[in-house]
Protein backbone atom coordinates (compact mmCIF):
# COMPACT_ATOMS: atom_id res chain seq x y z
CA UNK A 1 0.00 0.00 0.00
CA UNK A 2 1.37 3.44 -0.94
CA UNK A 3 1.95 6.12 1.69
CA UNK A 4 -0.90 8.21 0.21
CA UNK A 5 -3.36 5.32 0.54
CA UNK A 6 -2.14 4.48 4.03
CA UNK A 7 -2.42 8.12 5.15
CA UNK A 8 -5.88 8.38 3.62
CA UNK A 9 -7.01 5.24 5.42
CA UNK A 10 -5.70 6.56 8.76
CA UNK A 11 -7.48 9.87 8.24
CA UNK A 12 -10.77 8.16 7.32
CA UNK A 13 -10.66 5.97 10.42
CA UNK A 14 -9.86 8.96 12.63
CA UNK A 15 -12.64 11.01 11.03
CA UNK A 16 -15.17 8.21 11.47
CA UNK A 17 -14.12 7.66 15.08
CA UNK A 18 -14.37 11.34 16.02
CA UNK A 19 -17.65 11.72 14.09
CA UNK A 20 -19.16 8.80 16.02
CA UNK A 21 -18.03 10.34 19.31
CA UNK A 22 -19.58 13.68 18.38
CA UNK A 23 -22.92 12.15 17.37
CA UNK A 24 -23.08 10.36 20.73
CA UNK A 25 -22.59 13.63 22.65
CA UNK A 26 -25.05 16.37 23.58
CA UNK A 27 -24.73 19.66 21.73
CA UNK A 28 -21.85 21.75 23.07
CA UNK A 29 -20.12 18.88 24.88
CA UNK A 30 -16.39 19.34 25.42
CA UNK A 31 -14.45 16.71 23.45
CA UNK A 32 -10.96 17.59 24.58
CA UNK A 33 -7.94 19.68 23.73
CA UNK A 34 -6.01 19.19 20.53
CA UNK A 35 -3.34 17.16 22.33
CA UNK A 36 -5.91 14.98 24.09
CA UNK A 37 -7.72 14.19 20.84
CA UNK A 38 -4.49 13.51 18.95
CA UNK A 39 -3.54 10.99 21.62
CA UNK A 40 -6.96 9.35 21.79
CA UNK A 41 -7.19 9.01 18.00
CA UNK A 42 -3.56 7.95 17.62
CA UNK A 43 -2.78 10.26 14.71
CA UNK A 44 -0.29 12.98 13.89
CA UNK A 45 -1.05 16.66 14.39
CA UNK A 46 -1.36 17.38 10.62
CA UNK A 47 -3.75 14.43 10.19
CA UNK A 48 -5.83 15.51 13.17
CA UNK A 49 -6.13 19.06 11.85
CA UNK A 50 -7.35 17.75 8.49
CA UNK A 51 -9.95 15.64 10.30
CA UNK A 52 -11.03 18.61 12.42
CA UNK A 53 -11.37 20.77 9.32
CA UNK A 54 -13.65 18.20 7.65
CA UNK A 55 -15.90 17.92 10.70
CA UNK A 56 -15.97 21.68 11.18
CA UNK A 57 -17.07 22.02 7.55
CA UNK A 58 -19.90 19.57 8.26
CA UNK A 59 -21.00 21.75 11.22
CA UNK A 60 -20.28 18.92 13.66
CA UNK A 61 -17.28 20.45 15.38
CA UNK A 62 -16.68 23.82 17.00
CA UNK A 63 -13.11 24.96 17.66
CA UNK A 64 -12.70 27.53 20.42
CA UNK A 65 -9.47 29.44 20.94
CA UNK A 66 -7.98 30.95 24.08
CA UNK A 67 -9.04 30.37 27.69
CA UNK A 68 -11.62 27.60 27.87
CA UNK A 69 -10.74 26.65 24.33
CA UNK A 70 -10.71 23.23 22.76
CA UNK A 71 -12.96 21.11 20.59
CA UNK A 72 -16.72 20.96 21.17
CA UNK A 73 -19.46 18.81 19.67
CA UNK A 74 -22.19 20.33 17.53
CA UNK A 75 -25.37 18.41 16.85
CA UNK A 76 -26.53 18.15 13.22
CA UNK A 77 -29.00 20.90 12.36
CA UNK A 78 -31.81 20.03 9.96
CA UNK A 79 -32.42 23.71 9.18
CA UNK A 80 -28.83 24.17 7.98
CA UNK A 81 -29.03 21.04 5.81
CA UNK A 82 -32.38 22.10 4.37
CA UNK A 83 -31.05 25.56 3.57
CA UNK A 84 -28.02 24.12 1.77
CA UNK A 85 -30.25 21.74 -0.21
CA UNK A 86 -32.58 24.61 -1.11
CA UNK A 87 -29.58 26.51 -2.50
CA UNK A 88 -28.70 23.44 -4.58
CA UNK A 89 -32.27 23.24 -5.92
CA UNK A 90 -32.00 26.91 -6.83
CA UNK A 91 -28.76 26.16 -8.71
CA UNK A 92 -30.45 23.24 -10.48
CA UNK A 93 -33.24 25.62 -11.56
CA UNK A 94 -35.97 23.61 -9.84
CA UNK A 95 -39.42 24.96 -10.64
CA UNK A 96 -42.54 25.52 -8.62
CA UNK A 97 -44.15 22.54 -10.32
CA UNK A 98 -41.23 20.31 -9.29
CA UNK A 99 -41.43 21.44 -5.67
CA UNK A 100 -45.21 21.32 -5.39
CA UNK A 101 -45.70 17.87 -6.87
CA UNK A 102 -42.96 16.42 -4.67
CA UNK A 103 -44.34 18.17 -1.58
CA UNK A 104 -47.86 16.86 -2.21
CA UNK A 105 -46.72 13.25 -2.43
CA UNK A 106 -44.42 13.37 0.59
CA UNK A 107 -46.84 15.41 2.70
CA UNK A 108 -49.61 12.85 2.32
CA UNK A 109 -47.42 10.19 3.94
CA UNK A 110 -46.28 12.61 6.64
CA UNK A 111 -49.90 13.45 7.51
CA UNK A 112 -50.89 9.77 7.54
CA UNK A 113 -48.04 8.83 9.88
CA UNK A 114 -48.68 11.86 12.09
CA UNK A 115 -52.31 10.81 12.57
CA UNK A 116 -51.13 7.37 13.70
CA UNK A 117 -48.47 8.77 16.03
CA UNK A 118 -48.46 8.07 19.77
CA UNK A 119 -45.91 10.83 20.46
CA UNK A 120 -47.79 12.55 23.28
CA UNK A 121 -45.38 15.47 23.53
CA UNK A 122 -45.83 16.27 19.84
CA UNK A 123 -49.59 15.80 20.14
CA UNK A 124 -49.68 18.36 22.93
CA UNK A 125 -47.70 20.76 20.75
CA UNK A 126 -50.27 20.21 18.01
CA UNK A 127 -53.09 21.05 20.44
CA UNK A 128 -51.30 24.28 21.30
CA UNK A 129 -50.77 24.99 17.60
CA UNK A 130 -54.51 24.66 16.94
CA UNK A 131 -55.30 27.11 19.74
CA UNK A 132 -52.74 29.57 18.38
CA UNK A 133 -53.95 29.18 14.79
CA UNK A 134 -57.57 29.77 15.82
CA UNK A 135 -56.45 32.92 17.58
CA UNK A 136 -54.78 34.04 14.37
CA UNK A 137 -58.00 33.33 12.50
CA UNK A 138 -59.82 35.83 14.69
CA UNK A 139 -57.26 38.56 14.02
CA UNK A 140 -56.35 40.49 10.91
CA UNK A 141 -54.18 38.39 8.62
CA UNK A 142 -50.44 38.97 8.82
CA UNK A 143 -48.57 37.33 5.94
CA UNK A 144 -45.32 36.70 7.80
CA UNK A 145 -47.13 35.22 10.81
CA UNK A 146 -49.26 33.01 8.57
CA UNK A 147 -46.24 31.80 6.59
CA UNK A 148 -44.28 30.98 9.74
CA UNK A 149 -47.30 29.06 11.02
CA UNK A 150 -47.45 27.10 7.76
CA UNK A 151 -43.81 26.09 8.15
CA UNK A 152 -44.25 25.31 11.85
CA UNK A 153 -47.28 23.13 11.07
CA UNK A 154 -45.52 20.93 8.54
CA UNK A 155 -42.45 20.68 10.79
CA UNK A 156 -44.66 19.56 13.67
CA UNK A 157 -46.38 16.95 11.51
CA UNK A 158 -42.98 15.73 10.31
CA UNK A 159 -41.85 15.35 13.91
CA UNK A 160 -45.00 13.38 14.74
CA UNK A 161 -44.50 11.15 11.69
CA UNK A 162 -41.33 9.78 13.25
CA UNK A 163 -39.52 9.29 9.94
CA UNK A 164 -36.27 11.32 9.86
CA UNK A 165 -35.87 10.91 6.09
CA UNK A 166 -39.33 12.32 5.39
CA UNK A 167 -38.69 15.08 7.92
CA UNK A 168 -35.54 16.18 6.11
CA UNK A 169 -37.06 16.02 2.62
CA UNK A 170 -40.17 17.94 3.68
CA UNK A 171 -38.04 20.58 5.37
CA UNK A 172 -35.97 20.99 2.19
CA UNK A 173 -39.04 21.38 -0.03
CA UNK A 174 -40.86 23.81 2.23
CA UNK A 175 -37.77 25.93 2.92
CA UNK A 176 -37.20 26.08 -0.84
CA UNK A 177 -40.71 26.86 -2.03
CA UNK A 178 -42.59 28.66 0.74
CA UNK A 179 -40.66 31.97 0.86
CA UNK A 180 -40.87 32.29 -2.92
CA UNK A 181 -44.61 31.75 -3.27
CA UNK A 182 -46.15 32.94 0.01
CA UNK A 183 -46.74 36.49 -1.20
CA UNK A 184 -48.43 35.17 -4.33
CA UNK A 185 -50.66 32.62 -2.62
CA UNK A 186 -51.65 34.44 0.54
CA UNK A 187 -51.81 38.07 -0.55
CA UNK A 188 -55.61 37.92 -0.36
CA UNK A 189 -56.83 38.08 3.27
CA UNK A 190 -59.97 36.06 2.57
CA UNK A 191 -57.98 33.27 0.95
CA UNK A 192 -55.58 33.32 3.89
CA UNK A 193 -58.50 32.82 6.30
CA UNK A 194 -59.87 29.96 4.21
CA UNK A 195 -56.46 28.29 4.01
CA UNK A 196 -55.97 28.62 7.76
CA UNK A 197 -59.34 26.97 8.37
CA UNK A 198 -58.36 23.98 6.23
CA UNK A 199 -55.07 23.78 8.10
CA UNK A 200 -56.90 23.72 11.43
CA UNK A 201 -59.26 21.01 10.18
CA UNK A 202 -56.26 18.93 9.08
CA UNK A 203 -54.64 19.37 12.50
CA UNK A 204 -57.86 18.36 14.27
CA UNK A 205 -58.14 15.20 12.15
CA UNK A 206 -54.53 14.31 12.95
CA UNK A 207 -55.17 14.90 16.64
CA UNK A 208 -58.10 12.46 16.78
CA UNK A 209 -56.14 9.88 14.79
CA UNK A 210 -58.31 9.96 11.65
CA UNK A 211 -55.60 9.38 9.04
CA UNK A 212 -58.01 9.19 6.10
CA UNK A 213 -59.72 12.49 6.92
CA UNK A 214 -56.40 14.16 7.72
CA UNK A 215 -54.99 13.17 4.31
CA UNK A 216 -58.17 14.35 2.59
CA UNK A 217 -58.09 17.75 4.32
CA UNK A 218 -54.39 18.24 3.71
CA UNK A 219 -54.74 17.28 0.05
CA UNK A 220 -57.51 19.87 -0.19
CA UNK A 221 -55.18 22.37 1.49
CA UNK A 222 -52.38 21.68 -1.02
CA UNK A 223 -54.64 21.45 -4.08
CA UNK A 224 -56.17 24.81 -3.23
CA UNK A 225 -52.74 26.44 -3.04
CA UNK A 226 -51.62 24.84 -6.31
CA UNK A 227 -54.80 25.91 -8.11
CA UNK A 228 -54.42 29.46 -6.84
CA UNK A 229 -50.82 29.64 -8.01
CA UNK A 230 -51.81 28.28 -11.40
CA UNK A 231 -54.61 30.83 -11.76
CA UNK A 232 -52.34 33.72 -10.77
CA UNK A 233 -49.18 32.71 -12.61
CA UNK A 234 -50.59 30.71 -15.49
CA UNK A 235 -49.58 27.17 -16.36
CA UNK A 236 -46.29 28.29 -17.91
CA UNK A 237 -45.44 30.22 -14.75
CA UNK A 238 -45.20 26.97 -12.82
CA UNK A 239 -42.26 25.87 -14.97
CA UNK A 240 -40.10 28.93 -14.35
CA UNK A 241 -37.22 28.49 -11.85
CA UNK A 242 -38.30 29.79 -8.47
CA UNK A 243 -35.34 32.16 -8.07
């Protein structure tokens, strides 16, 4: 084996070992000083610094200098991953039609699983969400508040669904599409009220465990938004890159 291959193998093993340690730690946990980690991983200083750079790039490692310095664990952040993926979709010139059709299919499964969930903590959060959304229904519509509630709702359902892959994909799609289309869809206050009502009905169906009704209401919620976009932008407008 050449020196390059041997060095690469050592670095990969060290990176995998330190990554596993980080993922087993709470956010912000102290991992050790540079010298301590070099000794525990059994690598040279240059190799360790390459490993640290890779993990820092992946937002899994924080390096602090000075007094109290050292290496600290950072938990993976779904929002950061979703944002990066949304930028990639922008680069790939993904369209509103792409995002909407994918979101509809994935969201149906998320809603179904959420309705079957026995996660009591998430169910309590959904109860609180319904109360808050009803309060918003009684007040004058605020676009930014409504949009944030839309994102919070789908994130809560994704949490209840208990599928981390679906949770990530849904977060990517909604972070990509929602900011770009919210002003188009929800500019009309009456439509905003109607959409909020459908959202509340979906949440109530999820809360009582009626998966079939929850999927029906959410499909109505999504179909209404898609139809409104199509009527306002035209069919060809759905095939224009979002950004």
